[in-house]
């Protein structure tokens, strides 16, 4: 089971990713582009150029998960960033993104949150 709790970090790949890649290919992207360990237990999310498909890479301690979603119509509202590599988001933001909500048009209310 893939946890959507505050414990694992969630990283979105900036830019488009060739989604023909699977376990090893996406793991190599995590290692070289994100400078992260794909076996860390964090979630890594990738999208294609059209933003109608995503893949998720996750290591649960006993094996690696690769999950995919393809939209029948429409596109994911992928956050824009100038920084290469990955954008770190919260579990709540991932839920909104996968539900079709544009994160750029929402705002987080200011309150205290313990630093990671």
Protein backbone atom coordinates (compact mmCIF):
# COMPACT_ATOMS: atom_id res chain seq x y z
CA UNK A 1 0.00 0.00 0.00
CA UNK A 2 1.26 3.47 -0.84
CA UNK A 3 0.98 5.87 2.10
CA UNK A 4 -0.26 9.42 1.61
CA UNK A 5 0.78 10.73 4.99
CA UNK A 6 3.21 13.46 6.02
CA UNK A 7 5.94 10.84 6.67
CA UNK A 8 7.28 10.20 3.15
CA UNK A 9 8.41 13.13 1.06
CA UNK A 10 6.70 13.62 -2.28
CA UNK A 11 8.65 14.87 -5.28
CA UNK A 12 7.25 15.94 -8.66
CA UNK A 13 9.57 15.80 -11.64
CA UNK A 14 9.92 19.23 -13.24
CA UNK A 15 9.36 19.11 -16.97
CA UNK A 16 8.28 16.18 -19.11
CA UNK A 17 9.46 12.60 -18.60
CA UNK A 18 9.58 9.77 -21.12
CA UNK A 19 7.01 7.47 -19.50
CA UNK A 20 8.18 4.43 -21.46
CA UNK A 21 10.65 4.08 -18.58
CA UNK A 22 9.80 1.67 -15.79
CA UNK A 23 11.49 0.58 -12.55
CA UNK A 24 15.16 1.00 -13.46
CA UNK A 25 14.71 3.97 -15.81
CA UNK A 26 12.67 6.00 -13.33
CA UNK A 27 15.02 4.98 -10.51
CA UNK A 28 17.96 6.31 -12.55
CA UNK A 29 16.12 9.63 -13.01
CA UNK A 30 15.60 9.87 -9.25
CA UNK A 31 19.28 9.16 -8.62
CA UNK A 32 20.76 11.48 -11.25
CA UNK A 33 18.21 14.31 -11.66
CA UNK A 34 16.85 14.55 -8.13
CA UNK A 35 20.07 13.52 -6.33
CA UNK A 36 17.88 11.24 -4.16
CA UNK A 37 17.82 7.54 -3.32
CA UNK A 38 14.94 5.72 -5.08
CA UNK A 39 14.93 3.18 -2.21
CA UNK A 40 14.37 5.88 0.43
CA UNK A 41 10.63 5.28 0.77
CA UNK A 42 9.69 8.65 -0.69
CA UNK A 43 7.20 9.10 -3.55
CA UNK A 44 8.42 10.29 -6.95
CA UNK A 45 5.84 11.47 -9.50
CA UNK A 46 6.50 11.90 -13.24
CA UNK A 47 4.33 13.26 -16.07
CA UNK A 48 4.53 13.17 -19.86
CA UNK A 49 4.67 16.25 -22.11
CA UNK A 50 0.91 16.29 -22.77
CA UNK A 51 0.21 16.07 -19.01
CA UNK A 52 -2.41 13.38 -19.55
CA UNK A 53 -0.36 10.55 -17.98
CA UNK A 54 1.57 10.19 -14.76
CA UNK A 55 3.72 7.51 -13.16
CA UNK A 56 4.55 7.12 -9.49
CA UNK A 57 7.67 5.38 -8.16
CA UNK A 58 7.70 4.15 -4.54
CA UNK A 59 9.79 1.68 -2.52
CA UNK A 60 7.82 0.08 0.36
CA UNK A 61 10.70 -1.76 2.03
CA UNK A 62 10.24 -5.06 0.21
CA UNK A 63 9.94 -3.93 -3.39
CA UNK A 64 9.40 -1.06 -5.77
CA UNK A 65 5.99 0.09 -6.96
CA UNK A 66 5.38 1.74 -10.31
CA UNK A 67 1.81 2.99 -10.65
CA UNK A 68 0.40 4.75 -13.70
CA UNK A 69 -2.67 6.82 -14.50
CA UNK A 70 -3.88 7.92 -17.93
CA UNK A 71 -6.68 10.45 -18.22
CA UNK A 72 -9.42 9.74 -20.74
CA UNK A 73 -9.84 13.46 -21.33
CA UNK A 74 -8.21 16.59 -19.96
CA UNK A 75 -4.81 17.21 -18.43
CA UNK A 76 -3.18 17.29 -15.03
CA UNK A 77 -2.52 20.83 -13.78
CA UNK A 78 1.21 20.24 -13.32
CA UNK A 79 2.93 22.91 -11.19
CA UNK A 80 5.41 25.10 -13.06
CA UNK A 81 8.88 25.58 -11.67
CA UNK A 82 12.07 27.13 -13.00
CA UNK A 83 14.27 24.82 -10.97
CA UNK A 84 15.48 21.64 -12.69
CA UNK A 85 15.01 18.33 -10.94
CA UNK A 86 12.13 17.95 -8.52
CA UNK A 87 9.54 20.02 -6.72
CA UNK A 88 8.62 18.89 -3.22
CA UNK A 89 4.91 18.92 -2.39
CA UNK A 90 2.71 17.85 0.52
CA UNK A 91 0.45 14.79 0.57
CA UNK A 92 -2.62 17.06 0.51
CA UNK A 93 -1.30 18.79 -2.62
CA UNK A 94 -0.78 15.43 -4.35
CA UNK A 95 -4.37 14.47 -3.56
CA UNK A 96 -5.58 17.75 -5.06
CA UNK A 97 -3.37 17.31 -8.14
CA UNK A 98 -4.65 13.77 -8.76
CA UNK A 99 -8.22 15.02 -8.26
CA UNK A 100 -7.86 17.57 -11.05
CA UNK A 101 -7.41 20.71 -8.97
CA UNK A 102 -4.92 23.34 -10.17
CA UNK A 103 -2.43 23.96 -7.35
CA UNK A 104 -1.47 27.31 -8.90
CA UNK A 105 -4.99 28.62 -8.28
CA UNK A 106 -5.17 27.51 -4.66
CA UNK A 107 -3.43 28.87 -1.62
CA UNK A 108 -2.37 27.43 1.69
CA UNK A 109 -3.56 29.19 4.80
CA UNK A 110 -0.67 30.20 7.05
CA UNK A 111 -0.32 28.14 10.19
CA UNK A 112 2.44 26.53 12.14
CA UNK A 113 3.91 23.36 10.68
CA UNK A 114 6.89 21.50 12.12
CA UNK A 115 9.93 21.67 9.84
CA UNK A 116 11.12 18.38 8.31
